[in-house]
Amino acid sequence: MRSRIVKHRGVTRAEEEPGQPNAESVVTLAAADQARGLGLYRLEPRTGKTHQLRLHMASLGLPILHDPFWPELRATDPDDHDRPLQLLARSLELTDPLSGRPRRFESRRTLSEWAGLVRESNG
């Protein structure tokens, strides 16, 4: 998925607009729960725009479960943790800017909506 994403100061949500793409994400279906009509996707951002993954998924017609921003902005209680956004950074890879060495960090957390349904695969 490639698009042009802009974030205007003072506006809560970023938005896509026509023009030269400045945001790129690779989106792959990793698992499906057909009974609930849900998909587990592996998202690999190639750039780092504000709300990039959330906006790209919503643009594909696949908004992230419990996202209060897309497809519509909803009022939420910041202290209500009953429906957490189902977006999880499983791993992060980067080149250390000081040493120049590659670094990789991995999380052991899982998405609450997928607990026990599938074994979330690498990364």
Protein backbone atom coordinates (compact mmCIF):
# COMPACT_ATOMS: atom_id res chain seq x y z
CA MET A 1 0.00 0.00 0.00
CA ARG A 2 1.42 3.36 -1.02
CA SER A 3 -0.20 6.74 -0.51
CA ARG A 4 0.41 10.35 0.41
CA ILE A 5 -0.29 10.97 4.10
CA VAL A 6 -0.38 14.42 5.64
CA LYS A 7 -0.86 15.45 9.25
CA HIS A 8 -1.97 19.02 9.85
CA ARG A 9 -1.14 20.73 13.13
CA GLY A 10 -4.13 20.91 15.43
CA VAL A 11 -6.05 18.18 13.56
CA THR A 12 -6.39 14.87 15.41
CA ARG A 13 -6.24 12.52 12.45
CA ALA A 14 -3.79 12.30 9.58
CA GLU A 15 -5.32 11.96 6.13
CA GLU A 16 -4.52 10.70 2.67
CA GLU A 17 -4.46 13.16 -0.19
CA PRO A 18 -3.63 13.02 -3.90
CA GLY A 19 0.01 13.42 -4.83
CA GLN A 20 3.38 11.73 -4.72
CA PRO A 21 3.28 8.82 -2.21
CA ASN A 22 5.29 9.44 0.96
CA ALA A 23 4.08 6.41 2.94
CA GLU A 24 4.42 2.71 2.20
CA SER A 25 3.23 -0.37 4.10
CA VAL A 26 3.35 -4.05 3.18
CA VAL A 27 0.15 -5.80 4.32
CA THR A 28 -0.09 -9.61 4.44
CA LEU A 29 -2.94 -11.77 5.76
CA ALA A 30 -1.42 -14.10 8.39
CA ALA A 31 -4.56 -15.85 9.68
CA ALA A 32 -8.33 -15.62 9.45
CA ASP A 33 -11.16 -16.28 11.88
CA GLN A 34 -14.05 -16.75 9.48
CA ALA A 35 -16.55 -17.35 12.28
CA ARG A 36 -16.00 -13.79 13.56
CA GLY A 37 -15.13 -12.24 10.20
CA LEU A 38 -11.68 -11.18 11.40
CA GLY A 39 -8.25 -11.27 9.85
CA LEU A 40 -4.84 -11.18 11.50
CA TYR A 41 -2.49 -9.13 9.35
CA ARG A 42 1.26 -8.70 9.33
CA LEU A 43 1.99 -5.02 8.76
CA GLU A 44 5.43 -3.90 7.66
CA PRO A 45 5.78 -0.12 7.45
CA ARG A 46 8.51 0.98 5.06
CA THR A 47 8.09 4.61 6.15
CA GLY A 48 6.96 6.17 9.42
CA LYS A 49 4.14 8.63 8.92
CA THR A 50 1.76 9.48 11.77
CA HIS A 51 -1.09 6.92 11.94
CA GLN A 52 0.27 5.26 8.80
CA LEU A 53 -0.72 1.66 9.59
CA ARG A 54 -4.13 2.61 10.94
CA LEU A 55 -4.88 4.81 7.93
CA HIS A 56 -3.62 2.29 5.38
CA MET A 57 -5.71 -0.51 6.88
CA ALA A 58 -8.83 1.68 6.97
CA SER A 59 -8.20 2.71 3.34
CA LEU A 60 -8.11 -0.97 2.38
CA GLY A 61 -11.52 -1.42 4.04
CA LEU A 62 -9.88 -3.35 6.91
CA PRO A 63 -9.87 -0.97 9.88
CA ILE A 64 -7.95 -2.21 12.91
CA LEU A 65 -10.27 -3.70 15.51
CA HIS A 66 -11.26 -1.22 18.26
CA ASP A 67 -9.56 1.71 16.53
CA PRO A 68 -11.18 4.91 17.87
CA PHE A 69 -9.81 6.95 14.94
CA TRP A 70 -10.85 4.98 11.83
CA PRO A 71 -13.05 4.58 9.99
CA GLU A 72 -14.78 7.26 12.09
CA LEU A 73 -13.39 9.34 14.95
CA ARG A 74 -15.16 8.19 18.14
CA ALA A 75 -15.14 9.61 21.64
CA THR A 76 -13.45 7.16 24.00
CA ASP A 77 -12.71 7.05 27.69
CA PRO A 78 -8.90 6.92 28.10
CA ASP A 79 -9.37 4.86 31.27
CA ASP A 80 -11.51 2.19 29.57
CA HIS A 81 -9.25 -0.75 28.74
CA ASP A 82 -12.02 -3.23 27.85
CA ARG A 83 -11.51 -2.84 24.08
CA PRO A 84 -7.83 -2.18 23.40
CA LEU A 85 -6.68 -1.28 19.90
CA GLN A 86 -5.64 -4.54 18.26
CA LEU A 87 -2.31 -3.27 16.95
CA LEU A 88 0.88 -4.76 18.32
CA ALA A 89 4.52 -4.20 17.42
CA ARG A 90 5.81 -7.78 17.48
CA SER A 91 9.30 -6.76 16.37
CA LEU A 92 11.32 -3.70 15.56
CA GLU A 93 14.48 -3.69 13.46
CA LEU A 94 16.82 -0.78 12.91
CA THR A 95 20.40 0.16 12.31
CA ASP A 96 21.90 1.59 15.49
CA PRO A 97 22.77 5.21 14.59
CA LEU A 98 25.79 5.21 16.93
CA SER A 99 27.39 1.83 16.25
CA GLY A 100 26.00 1.15 12.78
CA ARG A 101 25.06 -2.38 13.87
CA PRO A 102 21.70 -3.94 13.08
CA ARG A 103 19.39 -4.23 16.10
CA ARG A 104 16.21 -6.29 16.58
CA PHE A 105 13.74 -6.14 19.45
CA GLU A 106 10.87 -8.63 19.91
CA SER A 107 7.76 -8.54 22.08
CA ARG A 108 6.25 -11.56 23.81
CA ARG A 109 2.83 -9.89 24.00
CA THR A 110 -0.16 -11.10 22.00
CA LEU A 111 -3.33 -9.50 20.75
CA SER A 112 -6.20 -10.11 23.16
CA GLU A 113 -8.73 -10.83 20.37
CA TRP A 114 -6.51 -13.65 19.03
CA ALA A 115 -5.45 -15.24 22.33
CA GLY A 116 -5.81 -19.00 22.04
CA LEU A 117 -7.14 -18.89 18.45
CA VAL A 118 -3.89 -18.93 16.53
CA ARG A 119 -0.24 -18.99 17.29
CA GLU A 120 0.94 -15.64 15.99
CA SER A 121 3.84 -16.37 13.68
CA ASN A 122 7.30 -14.83 13.69
CA GLY A 123 7.62 -11.09 13.72
